[in-house]
Protein backbone atom coordinates (compact mmCIF):
# COMPACT_ATOMS: atom_id res chain seq x y z
CA MET A 1 3.80 -16.64 10.00
CA LYS A 2 4.03 -15.43 6.43
CA SER A 3 6.02 -17.14 4.06
CA ASN A 4 8.67 -15.10 2.21
CA ILE A 5 6.71 -15.11 -0.86
CA SER A 6 3.53 -13.52 0.05
CA GLN A 7 5.93 -11.07 2.53
CA ASN A 8 8.01 -10.28 -0.51
CA ALA A 9 4.61 -9.44 -2.28
CA ASP A 10 3.52 -7.08 0.57
CA ILE A 11 7.08 -5.26 0.05
CA ASP A 12 6.68 -5.20 -3.46
CA LEU A 13 2.77 -3.51 -3.34
CA TYR A 14 4.62 -0.92 -0.62
CA THR A 15 7.11 -0.18 -2.87
CA GLN A 16 4.97 0.06 -6.29
CA VAL A 17 2.76 2.60 -4.28
CA LYS A 18 5.58 4.31 -3.06
CA ALA A 19 6.63 4.78 -6.77
CA GLY A 20 3.40 5.64 -7.72
CA PHE A 21 3.44 8.59 -6.02
CA LEU A 22 6.86 9.49 -7.07
CA LEU A 23 5.75 9.07 -10.90
CA ARG A 24 2.51 11.48 -10.10
CA GLY A 25 4.78 14.11 -8.61
CA THR A 26 4.29 13.78 -4.97
CA THR A 27 5.44 11.54 -2.02
CA PHE A 28 3.93 8.86 -0.13
CA ASN A 29 4.31 10.79 3.03
CA ARG A 30 3.04 13.94 1.08
CA TRP A 31 -0.13 12.07 0.72
CA CYS A 32 -0.43 10.59 4.32
CA ILE A 33 -0.25 14.24 5.55
CA GLU A 34 -2.80 15.61 2.95
CA ASN A 35 -5.19 12.81 4.21
CA ALA A 36 -4.65 12.71 7.78
CA ILE A 37 -3.23 9.26 7.74
CA GLN A 38 -0.43 8.14 10.12
CA ARG A 39 2.36 7.08 7.69
CA GLN A 40 3.21 4.39 9.93
CA ASN A 41 -0.01 3.07 9.36
CA ALA A 42 -0.29 3.31 5.77
CA ALA A 43 3.07 1.26 5.61
CA GLN A 44 2.20 -1.11 7.67
CA ALA A 45 -1.37 -2.04 5.89
CA LEU A 46 0.62 -2.23 2.58
CA LYS A 47 3.04 -4.15 4.04
CA GLY A 48 0.37 -6.89 5.12
CA VAL A 49 1.14 -6.59 8.81
CA TRP A 50 -2.37 -5.18 9.19
CA LYS A 51 -4.90 -7.29 7.25
CA GLY A 52 -8.48 -6.09 8.88
CA GLU A 53 -11.30 -4.44 6.95
CA LYS A 54 -9.91 -0.61 7.69
CA SER A 55 -6.67 -1.98 6.37
CA ARG A 56 -7.97 -3.24 3.06
CA ALA A 57 -9.76 -0.12 2.79
CA LEU A 58 -6.85 2.11 3.42
CA CYS A 59 -4.42 -0.16 0.86
CA GLU A 60 -7.26 0.36 -1.90
CA ARG A 61 -7.07 4.10 -1.52
CA LEU A 62 -3.27 4.47 -1.54
CA VAL A 63 -3.24 2.13 -4.60
CA LEU A 64 -5.96 4.18 -6.32
CA ALA A 65 -4.39 7.60 -5.33
CA ALA A 66 -0.86 6.10 -6.45
CA GLY A 67 -2.43 5.57 -10.10
CA LEU A 68 -2.14 1.92 -9.89
CA ASP A 69 -4.51 -0.62 -11.12
CA ILE A 70 -6.63 -2.26 -8.56
CA THR A 71 -5.44 -5.80 -9.86
CA ASP A 72 -1.97 -4.86 -7.90
CA LEU A 73 -3.40 -4.93 -4.44
CA GLN A 74 -5.66 -8.13 -5.39
CA LYS A 75 -2.24 -10.09 -6.35
CA SER A 76 -1.03 -8.86 -3.25
CA ASN A 77 -4.10 -10.28 -1.10
CA GLU A 78 -3.58 -13.73 -3.11
CA SER A 79 -0.22 -14.55 -1.73
């Protein structure tokens, strides 16, 4: 089971990604639709529920598309 600290870091990443899309004039949901990604799957990956190779690749795509620095993703993975 995750500690509250690492769980909060994953939720923070999810929130940061959603905010990043809003700052770019779009939404997390719109990006998922345009990229044929199930929104729920993307959210689970960002929140750290799924930790596999595909999940990490999806997180990287989302972080970059939201205009965040890839170090934001690395910080979340370290928690």
